[in-house]
Amino acid sequence: MNVTREVVTDLLPIYFSGEASGDTKVLVEDYFRQDPDFERIARSAATPLETLRAATPIASDREKEKRDLESVRWGLRRRQWLFAGSLFLTLFPLSFYFTFTHGRLVSLTDRDAIWNAVFHWSLAAVLWFLYFARLRRRTVSLAVAIAFTLIPIPFVLHSVYAGEPVTWFAVFWVWAAVAWIGHFTQRDC
């Protein structure tokens, strides 16, 4: 039987791992005697495999495991808060609320209530986006900064046109400023 170099090459992994049968060992060693150059190449190629097998496994770092677990825990907590905030801002405009200035129940059919509902729903849309899109922390801070900067603008314009106070919108621009500062001071992660 004529054994080719390709056949012996296919047998080398089990030969060097020590799992080859006696007949396979004899076949490979006979071929090595016929072609000593191939034996030298095969043994040099098997050296990295032997060094990997002899290497001790790397022990896991308990501090790294602890940090990883804490990171996952914070991620789950952040997702819970995003879900709760998104659900609240989505459902809040659907509820009736009592206005103290007029002493009556107001629904979405009221002209000013629809603006409040759209404002809450636009904030809810941002939070739902952040909940479902698994973004990196730096990207999330950028999205929040942009949203808190742009979302209040049409509502401020409406309030100015309607002659209503707009001071409570300043809160969103303060949050936007904090988000912008946080975005630019965060290192890339």
N, C-alpha and C. Protein backbone atom coordinates (compact mmCIF):
# COMPACT_ATOMS: atom_id res chain seq x y z
N MET A 1 0.85 -1.17 0.00
CA MET A 1 0.00 0.00 0.00
C MET A 1 0.90 1.24 0.00
N ASN A 2 0.57 2.19 -0.86
CA ASN A 2 1.33 3.41 -0.98
C ASN A 2 0.68 4.50 -0.13
N VAL A 3 1.38 4.96 0.91
CA VAL A 3 0.86 5.99 1.81
C VAL A 3 1.43 7.32 1.35
N THR A 4 0.52 8.29 1.12
CA THR A 4 0.96 9.61 0.65
C THR A 4 1.19 10.55 1.82
N ARG A 5 1.82 11.67 1.51
CA ARG A 5 2.10 12.68 2.53
C ARG A 5 0.78 13.24 3.10
N GLU A 6 -0.26 13.40 2.28
CA GLU A 6 -1.54 13.93 2.74
C GLU A 6 -2.19 13.02 3.77
N VAL A 7 -2.07 11.70 3.55
CA VAL A 7 -2.65 10.75 4.49
C VAL A 7 -1.93 10.86 5.84
N VAL A 8 -0.61 10.93 5.81
CA VAL A 8 0.16 11.04 7.04
C VAL A 8 -0.14 12.38 7.72
N THR A 9 -0.28 13.45 6.95
CA THR A 9 -0.62 14.76 7.52
C THR A 9 -1.96 14.70 8.24
N ASP A 10 -2.92 13.97 7.68
CA ASP A 10 -4.23 13.82 8.33
C ASP A 10 -4.12 13.04 9.64
N LEU A 11 -3.14 12.14 9.74
CA LEU A 11 -2.98 11.31 10.93
C LEU A 11 -2.15 11.98 12.02
N LEU A 12 -1.43 13.04 11.69
CA LEU A 12 -0.52 13.67 12.65
C LEU A 12 -1.20 14.17 13.93
N PRO A 13 -2.37 14.79 13.89
CA PRO A 13 -2.98 15.25 15.15
C PRO A 13 -3.21 14.12 16.16
N ILE A 14 -3.71 12.97 15.70
CA ILE A 14 -3.93 11.88 16.66
C ILE A 14 -2.61 11.20 17.03
N TYR A 15 -1.63 11.25 16.13
CA TYR A 15 -0.32 10.68 16.45
C TYR A 15 0.35 11.49 17.55
N PHE A 16 0.36 12.82 17.42
CA PHE A 16 1.03 13.66 18.41
C PHE A 16 0.23 13.79 19.71
N SER A 17 -1.08 13.57 19.65
CA SER A 17 -1.87 13.63 20.88
C SER A 17 -1.75 12.35 21.68
N GLY A 18 -1.19 11.28 21.08
CA GLY A 18 -1.02 10.02 21.79
C GLY A 18 -2.25 9.14 21.76
N GLU A 19 -3.22 9.48 20.94
CA GLU A 19 -4.46 8.73 20.86
C GLU A 19 -4.49 7.77 19.67
N ALA A 20 -3.40 7.68 18.93
CA ALA A 20 -3.37 6.82 17.74
C ALA A 20 -3.22 5.36 18.14
N SER A 21 -3.77 4.47 17.32
CA SER A 21 -3.63 3.03 17.56
C SER A 21 -2.19 2.61 17.21
N GLY A 22 -1.84 1.42 17.58
CA GLY A 22 -0.50 0.91 17.31
C GLY A 22 -0.19 0.88 15.82
N ASP A 23 -1.14 0.46 14.99
CA ASP A 23 -0.92 0.40 13.54
C ASP A 23 -0.70 1.79 12.95
N THR A 24 -1.44 2.77 13.46
CA THR A 24 -1.28 4.14 12.96
C THR A 24 0.09 4.67 13.33
N LYS A 25 0.55 4.38 14.55
CA LYS A 25 1.88 4.83 14.98
C LYS A 25 2.96 4.23 14.09
N VAL A 26 2.83 2.95 13.80
CA VAL A 26 3.81 2.28 12.95
C VAL A 26 3.80 2.89 11.55
N LEU A 27 2.62 3.16 11.02
CA LEU A 27 2.50 3.75 9.68
C LEU A 27 3.16 5.13 9.62
N VAL A 28 2.91 5.98 10.62
CA VAL A 28 3.48 7.33 10.62
C VAL A 28 4.99 7.26 10.81
N GLU A 29 5.47 6.41 11.71
CA GLU A 29 6.92 6.32 11.95
C GLU A 29 7.65 5.75 10.73
N ASP A 30 7.04 4.80 10.02
CA ASP A 30 7.64 4.30 8.78
C ASP A 30 7.77 5.42 7.74
N TYR A 31 6.75 6.24 7.66
CA TYR A 31 6.81 7.34 6.70
C TYR A 31 7.88 8.36 7.11
N PHE A 32 8.02 8.58 8.44
CA PHE A 32 9.07 9.49 8.93
C PHE A 32 10.46 8.97 8.54
N ARG A 33 10.65 7.62 8.58
CA ARG A 33 11.95 7.06 8.20
C ARG A 33 12.21 7.24 6.71
N GLN A 34 11.15 7.21 5.90
CA GLN A 34 11.30 7.39 4.45
C GLN A 34 11.56 8.86 4.09
N ASP A 35 10.96 9.77 4.87
CA ASP A 35 11.07 11.21 4.55
C ASP A 35 11.45 11.98 5.81
N PRO A 36 12.77 12.03 6.15
CA PRO A 36 13.20 12.69 7.38
C PRO A 36 12.91 14.20 7.38
N ASP A 37 12.89 14.85 6.23
CA ASP A 37 12.57 16.28 6.19
C ASP A 37 11.13 16.54 6.64
N PHE A 38 10.24 15.68 6.19
CA PHE A 38 8.84 15.81 6.59
C PHE A 38 8.70 15.58 8.10
N GLU A 39 9.48 14.64 8.65
CA GLU A 39 9.43 14.38 10.10
C GLU A 39 9.87 15.62 10.87
N ARG A 40 10.93 16.28 10.42
CA ARG A 40 11.42 17.49 11.09
C ARG A 40 10.34 18.59 11.05
N ILE A 41 9.71 18.78 9.90
CA ILE A 41 8.65 19.80 9.76
C ILE A 41 7.46 19.45 10.65
N ALA A 42 7.06 18.18 10.67
CA ALA A 42 5.90 17.75 11.46
C ALA A 42 6.16 17.92 12.95
N ARG A 43 7.36 17.55 13.41
CA ARG A 43 7.67 17.68 14.84
C ARG A 43 7.76 19.15 15.26
N SER A 44 8.28 20.00 14.39
CA SER A 44 8.34 21.43 14.74
C SER A 44 6.94 22.04 14.76
N ALA A 45 6.06 21.56 13.91
CA ALA A 45 4.68 22.06 13.90
C ALA A 45 3.91 21.55 15.11
N ALA A 46 4.28 20.40 15.63
CA ALA A 46 3.57 19.83 16.78
C ALA A 46 4.02 20.46 18.08
N THR A 47 5.14 21.16 18.10
CA THR A 47 5.66 21.75 19.33
C THR A 47 4.68 22.74 19.96
N PRO A 48 4.06 23.68 19.22
CA PRO A 48 3.10 24.59 19.86
C PRO A 48 1.93 23.85 20.50
N LEU A 49 1.49 22.76 19.87
CA LEU A 49 0.40 21.98 20.44
C LEU A 49 0.81 21.37 21.77
N GLU A 50 2.02 20.86 21.84
CA GLU A 50 2.51 20.27 23.08
C GLU A 50 2.68 21.32 24.17
N THR A 51 3.15 22.51 23.79
CA THR A 51 3.32 23.56 24.80
C THR A 51 1.97 24.05 25.31
N LEU A 52 0.99 24.09 24.45
CA LEU A 52 -0.35 24.49 24.90
C LEU A 52 -0.93 23.45 25.85
N ARG A 53 -0.71 22.19 25.55
CA ARG A 53 -1.24 21.12 26.39
C ARG A 53 -0.54 21.13 27.76
N ALA A 54 0.74 21.48 27.80
CA ALA A 54 1.50 21.47 29.04
C ALA A 54 1.25 22.73 29.88
N ALA A 55 0.72 23.77 29.29
CA ALA A 55 0.51 25.02 30.01
C ALA A 55 -0.58 24.85 31.07
N THR A 56 -0.40 25.51 32.18
CA THR A 56 -1.41 25.44 33.24
C THR A 56 -2.57 26.36 32.87
N PRO A 57 -3.78 25.94 33.18
CA PRO A 57 -4.93 26.80 32.87
C PRO A 57 -4.87 28.08 33.69
N ILE A 58 -5.37 29.14 33.09
CA ILE A 58 -5.37 30.45 33.75
C ILE A 58 -6.51 30.49 34.75
N ALA A 59 -6.18 30.81 35.96
CA ALA A 59 -7.19 30.91 37.00
C ALA A 59 -7.95 32.22 36.83
N SER A 60 -9.24 32.17 37.08
CA SER A 60 -10.04 33.38 36.93
C SER A 60 -9.78 34.33 38.10
N ASP A 61 -9.83 35.58 37.81
CA ASP A 61 -9.59 36.61 38.81
C ASP A 61 -10.90 36.91 39.53
N ARG A 62 -10.91 36.71 40.83
CA ARG A 62 -12.14 36.89 41.59
C ARG A 62 -12.61 38.35 41.57
N GLU A 63 -11.68 39.29 41.55
CA GLU A 63 -12.06 40.70 41.49
C GLU A 63 -12.72 41.03 40.15
N LYS A 64 -12.19 40.45 39.08
CA LYS A 64 -12.78 40.69 37.75
C LYS A 64 -14.18 40.10 37.69
N GLU A 65 -14.34 38.90 38.25
CA GLU A 65 -15.67 38.29 38.28
C GLU A 65 -16.65 39.15 39.08
N LYS A 66 -16.16 39.69 40.18
CA LYS A 66 -17.01 40.53 41.01
C LYS A 66 -17.42 41.80 40.27
N ARG A 67 -16.46 42.42 39.55
CA ARG A 67 -16.78 43.62 38.76
C ARG A 67 -17.76 43.29 37.64
N ASP A 68 -17.56 42.15 36.99
CA ASP A 68 -18.46 41.76 35.90
C ASP A 68 -19.87 41.53 36.42
N LEU A 69 -19.97 40.86 37.57
CA LEU A 69 -21.29 40.61 38.15
C LEU A 69 -21.97 41.91 38.55
N GLU A 70 -21.20 42.83 39.12
CA GLU A 70 -21.75 44.13 39.51
C GLU A 70 -22.20 44.93 38.28
N SER A 71 -21.44 44.82 37.20
CA SER A 71 -21.81 45.50 35.96
C SER A 71 -23.12 44.96 35.41
N VAL A 72 -23.29 43.66 35.45
CA VAL A 72 -24.54 43.06 34.98
C VAL A 72 -25.69 43.48 35.88
N ARG A 73 -25.45 43.50 37.19
CA ARG A 73 -26.49 43.90 38.13
C ARG A 73 -26.94 45.34 37.88
N TRP A 74 -25.97 46.27 37.65
CA TRP A 74 -26.32 47.66 37.36
C TRP A 74 -27.05 47.77 36.03
N GLY A 75 -26.65 46.97 35.06
CA GLY A 75 -27.33 46.99 33.77
C GLY A 75 -28.79 46.57 33.89
N LEU A 76 -29.04 45.53 34.68
CA LEU A 76 -30.42 45.08 34.89
C LEU A 76 -31.22 46.13 35.66
N ARG A 77 -30.61 46.75 36.65
CA ARG A 77 -31.29 47.79 37.42
C ARG A 77 -31.62 48.99 36.52
N ARG A 78 -30.69 49.36 35.65
CA ARG A 78 -30.91 50.48 34.73
C ARG A 78 -32.06 50.15 33.77
N ARG A 79 -32.11 48.90 33.30
CA ARG A 79 -33.21 48.51 32.40
C ARG A 79 -34.55 48.53 33.14
N GLN A 80 -34.57 48.15 34.41
CA GLN A 80 -35.82 48.21 35.18
C GLN A 80 -36.31 49.65 35.31
N TRP A 81 -35.40 50.57 35.59
CA TRP A 81 -35.78 51.98 35.71
C TRP A 81 -36.24 52.54 34.37
N LEU A 82 -35.57 52.16 33.29
CA LEU A 82 -36.01 52.62 31.97
C LEU A 82 -37.41 52.10 31.65
N PHE A 83 -37.68 50.84 31.97
CA PHE A 83 -39.00 50.27 31.71
C PHE A 83 -40.06 50.99 32.54
N ALA A 84 -39.77 51.19 33.83
CA ALA A 84 -40.74 51.86 34.70
C ALA A 84 -41.01 53.28 34.23
N GLY A 85 -39.97 54.03 33.90
CA GLY A 85 -40.15 55.40 33.43
C GLY A 85 -40.89 55.45 32.11
N SER A 86 -40.56 54.55 31.20
CA SER A 86 -41.24 54.52 29.90
C SER A 86 -42.71 54.20 30.06
N LEU A 87 -43.02 53.23 30.88
CA LEU A 87 -44.41 52.85 31.09
C LEU A 87 -45.19 53.97 31.76
N PHE A 88 -44.58 54.61 32.75
CA PHE A 88 -45.25 55.72 33.44
C PHE A 88 -45.54 56.86 32.47
N LEU A 89 -44.52 57.27 31.69
CA LEU A 89 -44.72 58.40 30.78
C LEU A 89 -45.69 58.06 29.64
N THR A 90 -45.81 56.78 29.32
CA THR A 90 -46.76 56.37 28.28
C THR A 90 -48.19 56.41 28.82
N LEU A 91 -48.39 55.93 30.03
CA LEU A 91 -49.75 55.81 30.58
C LEU A 91 -50.25 57.07 31.28
N PHE A 92 -49.35 57.90 31.78
CA PHE A 92 -49.77 59.08 32.55
C PHE A 92 -50.72 60.00 31.78
N PRO A 93 -50.46 60.32 30.52
CA PRO A 93 -51.40 61.21 29.82
C PRO A 93 -52.78 60.59 29.61
N LEU A 94 -52.88 59.28 29.70
CA LEU A 94 -54.18 58.65 29.50
C LEU A 94 -55.05 58.76 30.75
N SER A 95 -54.46 59.10 31.86
CA SER A 95 -55.23 59.23 33.09
C SER A 95 -55.88 60.62 33.15
N PHE A 96 -56.92 60.71 33.93
CA PHE A 96 -57.55 62.00 34.17
C PHE A 96 -56.85 62.64 35.36
N TYR A 97 -56.73 63.93 35.34
CA TYR A 97 -56.12 64.59 36.48
C TYR A 97 -56.93 65.83 36.84
N PHE A 98 -56.83 66.20 38.06
CA PHE A 98 -57.60 67.30 38.61
C PHE A 98 -56.74 68.55 38.58
N THR A 99 -57.24 69.60 37.95
CA THR A 99 -56.48 70.85 37.93
C THR A 99 -56.94 71.71 39.10
N PHE A 100 -55.99 72.17 39.84
CA PHE A 100 -56.32 72.97 41.02
C PHE A 100 -56.73 74.39 40.65
N THR A 101 -56.26 74.87 39.51
CA THR A 101 -56.61 76.25 39.15
C THR A 101 -58.07 76.36 38.71
N HIS A 102 -58.55 75.33 38.01
CA HIS A 102 -59.93 75.38 37.53
C HIS A 102 -60.86 74.52 38.37
N GLY A 103 -60.32 73.61 39.19
CA GLY A 103 -61.14 72.78 40.05
C GLY A 103 -61.98 71.77 39.29
N ARG A 104 -61.45 71.22 38.23
CA ARG A 104 -62.23 70.24 37.45
C ARG A 104 -61.30 69.14 36.94
N LEU A 105 -61.91 68.06 36.47
CA LEU A 105 -61.15 66.96 35.86
C LEU A 105 -60.83 67.33 34.42
N VAL A 106 -59.62 67.05 34.01
CA VAL A 106 -59.20 67.37 32.65
C VAL A 106 -58.84 66.07 31.94
N SER A 107 -59.28 65.94 30.71
CA SER A 107 -58.93 64.75 29.92
C SER A 107 -58.11 65.19 28.72
N LEU A 108 -57.81 64.26 27.84
CA LEU A 108 -57.04 64.57 26.65
C LEU A 108 -57.80 65.43 25.65
N THR A 109 -59.09 65.58 25.85
CA THR A 109 -59.86 66.41 24.93
C THR A 109 -59.61 67.90 25.17
N ASP A 110 -59.07 68.22 26.32
CA ASP A 110 -58.74 69.62 26.61
C ASP A 110 -57.56 70.04 25.74
N ARG A 111 -57.60 71.28 25.24
CA ARG A 111 -56.58 71.75 24.30
C ARG A 111 -55.17 71.74 24.91
N ASP A 112 -55.02 72.17 26.14
CA ASP A 112 -53.71 72.19 26.77
C ASP A 112 -53.26 70.80 27.20
N ALA A 113 -54.21 69.94 27.51
CA ALA A 113 -53.87 68.59 27.96
C ALA A 113 -53.23 67.79 26.83
N ILE A 114 -53.62 68.04 25.59
CA ILE A 114 -53.02 67.30 24.48
C ILE A 114 -51.54 67.67 24.33
N TRP A 115 -51.19 68.93 24.60
CA TRP A 115 -49.78 69.32 24.55
C TRP A 115 -48.99 68.63 25.65
N ASN A 116 -49.58 68.54 26.83
CA ASN A 116 -48.92 67.82 27.91
C ASN A 116 -48.75 66.34 27.57
N ALA A 117 -49.78 65.76 26.96
CA ALA A 117 -49.70 64.35 26.59
C ALA A 117 -48.61 64.11 25.56
N VAL A 118 -48.55 64.96 24.56
CA VAL A 118 -47.52 64.80 23.53
C VAL A 118 -46.12 64.97 24.13
N PHE A 119 -46.00 65.89 25.07
CA PHE A 119 -44.70 66.08 25.74
C PHE A 119 -44.29 64.80 26.49
N HIS A 120 -45.21 64.23 27.27
CA HIS A 120 -44.92 63.01 28.01
C HIS A 120 -44.62 61.86 27.05
N TRP A 121 -45.40 61.76 25.97
CA TRP A 121 -45.18 60.66 25.03
C TRP A 121 -43.86 60.80 24.28
N SER A 122 -43.43 62.02 24.02
CA SER A 122 -42.14 62.19 23.36
C SER A 122 -41.00 61.77 24.28
N LEU A 123 -41.11 62.10 25.56
CA LEU A 123 -40.11 61.62 26.52
C LEU A 123 -40.17 60.10 26.66
N ALA A 124 -41.40 59.56 26.65
CA ALA A 124 -41.55 58.11 26.73
C ALA A 124 -40.93 57.42 25.51
N ALA A 125 -41.06 58.03 24.34
CA ALA A 125 -40.47 57.45 23.13
C ALA A 125 -38.95 57.35 23.25
N VAL A 126 -38.34 58.38 23.82
CA VAL A 126 -36.89 58.34 24.02
C VAL A 126 -36.52 57.21 24.99
N LEU A 127 -37.27 57.11 26.09
CA LEU A 127 -36.96 56.06 27.07
C LEU A 127 -37.22 54.66 26.51
N TRP A 128 -38.30 54.49 25.71
CA TRP A 128 -38.55 53.18 25.09
C TRP A 128 -37.43 52.84 24.12
N PHE A 129 -36.95 53.85 23.37
CA PHE A 129 -35.83 53.61 22.46
C PHE A 129 -34.61 53.14 23.24
N LEU A 130 -34.30 53.82 24.33
CA LEU A 130 -33.13 53.44 25.13
C LEU A 130 -33.32 52.07 25.77
N TYR A 131 -34.57 51.71 26.09
CA TYR A 131 -34.84 50.40 26.69
C TYR A 131 -34.61 49.27 25.69
N PHE A 132 -35.11 49.45 24.46
CA PHE A 132 -35.01 48.37 23.49
C PHE A 132 -33.69 48.35 22.73
N ALA A 133 -33.08 49.49 22.54
CA ALA A 133 -31.79 49.54 21.84
C ALA A 133 -30.69 49.36 22.88
N ARG A 134 -29.93 48.34 22.73
CA ARG A 134 -28.86 48.07 23.70
C ARG A 134 -27.62 48.84 23.26
N LEU A 135 -27.55 50.07 23.73
CA LEU A 135 -26.47 50.96 23.32
C LEU A 135 -25.39 51.03 24.38
N ARG A 136 -24.22 51.44 23.94
CA ARG A 136 -23.14 51.68 24.89
C ARG A 136 -23.46 52.91 25.72
N ARG A 137 -22.84 53.01 26.88
CA ARG A 137 -23.14 54.09 27.81
C ARG A 137 -22.90 55.46 27.19
N ARG A 138 -21.85 55.60 26.43
CA ARG A 138 -21.53 56.89 25.81
C ARG A 138 -22.60 57.27 24.78
N THR A 139 -23.10 56.33 24.03
CA THR A 139 -24.15 56.59 23.05
C THR A 139 -25.46 56.94 23.75
N VAL A 140 -25.74 56.30 24.86
CA VAL A 140 -26.95 56.61 25.63
C VAL A 140 -26.89 58.05 26.13
N SER A 141 -25.74 58.46 26.66
CA SER A 141 -25.63 59.84 27.16
C SER A 141 -25.81 60.85 26.04
N LEU A 142 -25.32 60.52 24.85
CA LEU A 142 -25.51 61.42 23.70
C LEU A 142 -26.98 61.49 23.31
N ALA A 143 -27.67 60.35 23.27
CA ALA A 143 -29.09 60.33 22.92
C ALA A 143 -29.92 61.12 23.93
N VAL A 144 -29.62 60.96 25.20
CA VAL A 144 -30.36 61.69 26.24
C VAL A 144 -30.09 63.18 26.13
N ALA A 145 -28.84 63.56 25.90
CA ALA A 145 -28.50 64.98 25.77
C ALA A 145 -29.24 65.61 24.59
N ILE A 146 -29.26 64.94 23.47
CA ILE A 146 -29.95 65.47 22.29
C ILE A 146 -31.46 65.56 22.55
N ALA A 147 -32.03 64.50 23.13
CA ALA A 147 -33.47 64.50 23.38
C ALA A 147 -33.88 65.60 24.36
N PHE A 148 -33.15 65.74 25.46
CA PHE A 148 -33.51 66.75 26.45
C PHE A 148 -33.23 68.16 25.95
N THR A 149 -32.42 68.29 24.93
CA THR A 149 -32.19 69.61 24.34
C THR A 149 -33.30 69.97 23.36
N LEU A 150 -33.70 69.01 22.52
CA LEU A 150 -34.62 69.31 21.41
C LEU A 150 -36.10 69.15 21.75
N ILE A 151 -36.45 68.18 22.57
CA ILE A 151 -37.87 67.91 22.83
C ILE A 151 -38.61 69.11 23.42
N PRO A 152 -38.06 69.84 24.39
CA PRO A 152 -38.84 70.95 24.96
C PRO A 152 -39.07 72.14 24.02
N ILE A 153 -38.33 72.26 22.95
CA ILE A 153 -38.42 73.46 22.10
C ILE A 153 -39.83 73.74 21.58
N PRO A 154 -40.52 72.79 20.93
CA PRO A 154 -41.87 73.12 20.44
C PRO A 154 -42.85 73.41 21.58
N PHE A 155 -42.64 72.80 22.73
CA PHE A 155 -43.56 73.03 23.84
C PHE A 155 -43.32 74.39 24.48
N VAL A 156 -42.07 74.81 24.51
CA VAL A 156 -41.77 76.17 24.99
C VAL A 156 -42.39 77.19 24.05
N LEU A 157 -42.25 76.97 22.75
CA LEU A 157 -42.84 77.90 21.77
C LEU A 157 -44.36 77.95 21.92
N HIS A 158 -44.98 76.80 22.14
CA HIS A 158 -46.43 76.77 22.34
C HIS A 158 -46.80 77.53 23.61
N SER A 159 -46.04 77.31 24.69
CA SER A 159 -46.35 77.98 25.95
C SER A 159 -46.17 79.49 25.83
N VAL A 160 -45.14 79.93 25.12
CA VAL A 160 -44.93 81.36 24.91
C VAL A 160 -46.08 81.94 24.09
N TYR A 161 -46.49 81.24 23.05
CA TYR A 161 -47.60 81.70 22.21
C TYR A 161 -48.91 81.75 23.00
N ALA A 162 -49.11 80.76 23.89
CA ALA A 162 -50.35 80.72 24.68
C ALA A 162 -50.29 81.63 25.89
N GLY A 163 -49.12 82.22 26.15
CA GLY A 163 -48.99 83.13 27.29
C GLY A 163 -48.86 82.41 28.62
N GLU A 164 -48.41 81.17 28.61
CA GLU A 164 -48.25 80.39 29.83
C GLU A 164 -46.79 80.46 30.29
N PRO A 165 -46.54 80.19 31.57
CA PRO A 165 -45.15 80.22 32.05
C PRO A 165 -44.36 79.04 31.47
N VAL A 166 -43.09 79.28 31.23
CA VAL A 166 -42.24 78.24 30.64
C VAL A 166 -41.07 77.87 31.55
N THR A 167 -41.13 78.29 32.79
CA THR A 167 -39.99 78.08 33.68
C THR A 167 -39.73 76.61 33.97
N TRP A 168 -40.79 75.78 33.98
CA TRP A 168 -40.56 74.38 34.31
C TRP A 168 -39.84 73.64 33.20
N PHE A 169 -39.80 74.20 31.99
CA PHE A 169 -39.02 73.57 30.91
C PHE A 169 -37.52 73.74 31.14
N ALA A 170 -37.16 74.71 31.95
CA ALA A 170 -35.74 74.93 32.24
C ALA A 170 -35.13 73.71 32.92
N VAL A 171 -35.95 72.95 33.63
CA VAL A 171 -35.47 71.74 34.28
C VAL A 171 -34.89 70.77 33.23
N PHE A 172 -35.58 70.64 32.10
CA PHE A 172 -35.10 69.72 31.06
C PHE A 172 -33.81 70.22 30.44
N TRP A 173 -33.65 71.53 30.32
CA TRP A 173 -32.40 72.04 29.76
C TRP A 173 -31.25 71.93 30.76
N VAL A 174 -31.57 71.97 32.03
CA VAL A 174 -30.53 71.70 33.04
C VAL A 174 -30.10 70.24 32.93
N TRP A 175 -31.08 69.33 32.80
CA TRP A 175 -30.74 67.91 32.62
C TRP A 175 -29.96 67.71 31.33
N ALA A 176 -30.34 68.44 30.30
CA ALA A 176 -29.61 68.33 29.02
C ALA A 176 -28.17 68.80 29.20
N ALA A 177 -27.97 69.89 29.94
CA ALA A 177 -26.60 70.37 30.17
C ALA A 177 -25.79 69.34 30.94
N VAL A 178 -26.41 68.72 31.94
CA VAL A 178 -25.72 67.67 32.70
C VAL A 178 -25.39 66.49 31.79
N ALA A 179 -26.32 66.11 30.91
CA ALA A 179 -26.07 65.00 29.99
C ALA A 179 -24.96 65.34 29.00
N TRP A 180 -24.94 66.58 28.50
CA TRP A 180 -23.86 66.98 27.58
C TRP A 180 -22.51 66.95 28.29
N ILE A 181 -22.47 67.48 29.49
CA ILE A 181 -21.21 67.46 30.25
C ILE A 181 -20.78 66.03 30.52
N GLY A 182 -21.73 65.20 30.92
CA GLY A 182 -21.41 63.78 31.16
C GLY A 182 -20.93 63.08 29.91
N HIS A 183 -21.51 63.44 28.78
CA HIS A 183 -21.09 62.80 27.53
C HIS A 183 -19.66 63.17 27.17
N PHE A 184 -19.32 64.42 27.32
CA PHE A 184 -17.98 64.86 26.90
C PHE A 184 -16.90 64.56 27.94
N THR A 185 -17.28 64.29 29.18
CA THR A 185 -16.28 63.94 30.17
C THR A 185 -16.12 62.44 30.35
N GLN A 186 -17.02 61.66 29.76
CA GLN A 186 -16.94 60.20 29.86
C GLN A 186 -15.84 59.68 28.95
N ARG A 187 -15.11 58.71 29.43
CA ARG A 187 -14.14 58.08 28.54
C ARG A 187 -14.89 57.04 27.73
N ASP A 188 -14.35 56.69 26.60
CA ASP A 188 -15.01 55.77 25.67
C ASP A 188 -15.07 54.39 26.28
N CYS A 189 -16.28 53.85 26.45
CA CYS A 189 -16.42 52.50 27.01
C CYS A 189 -17.42 51.70 26.25
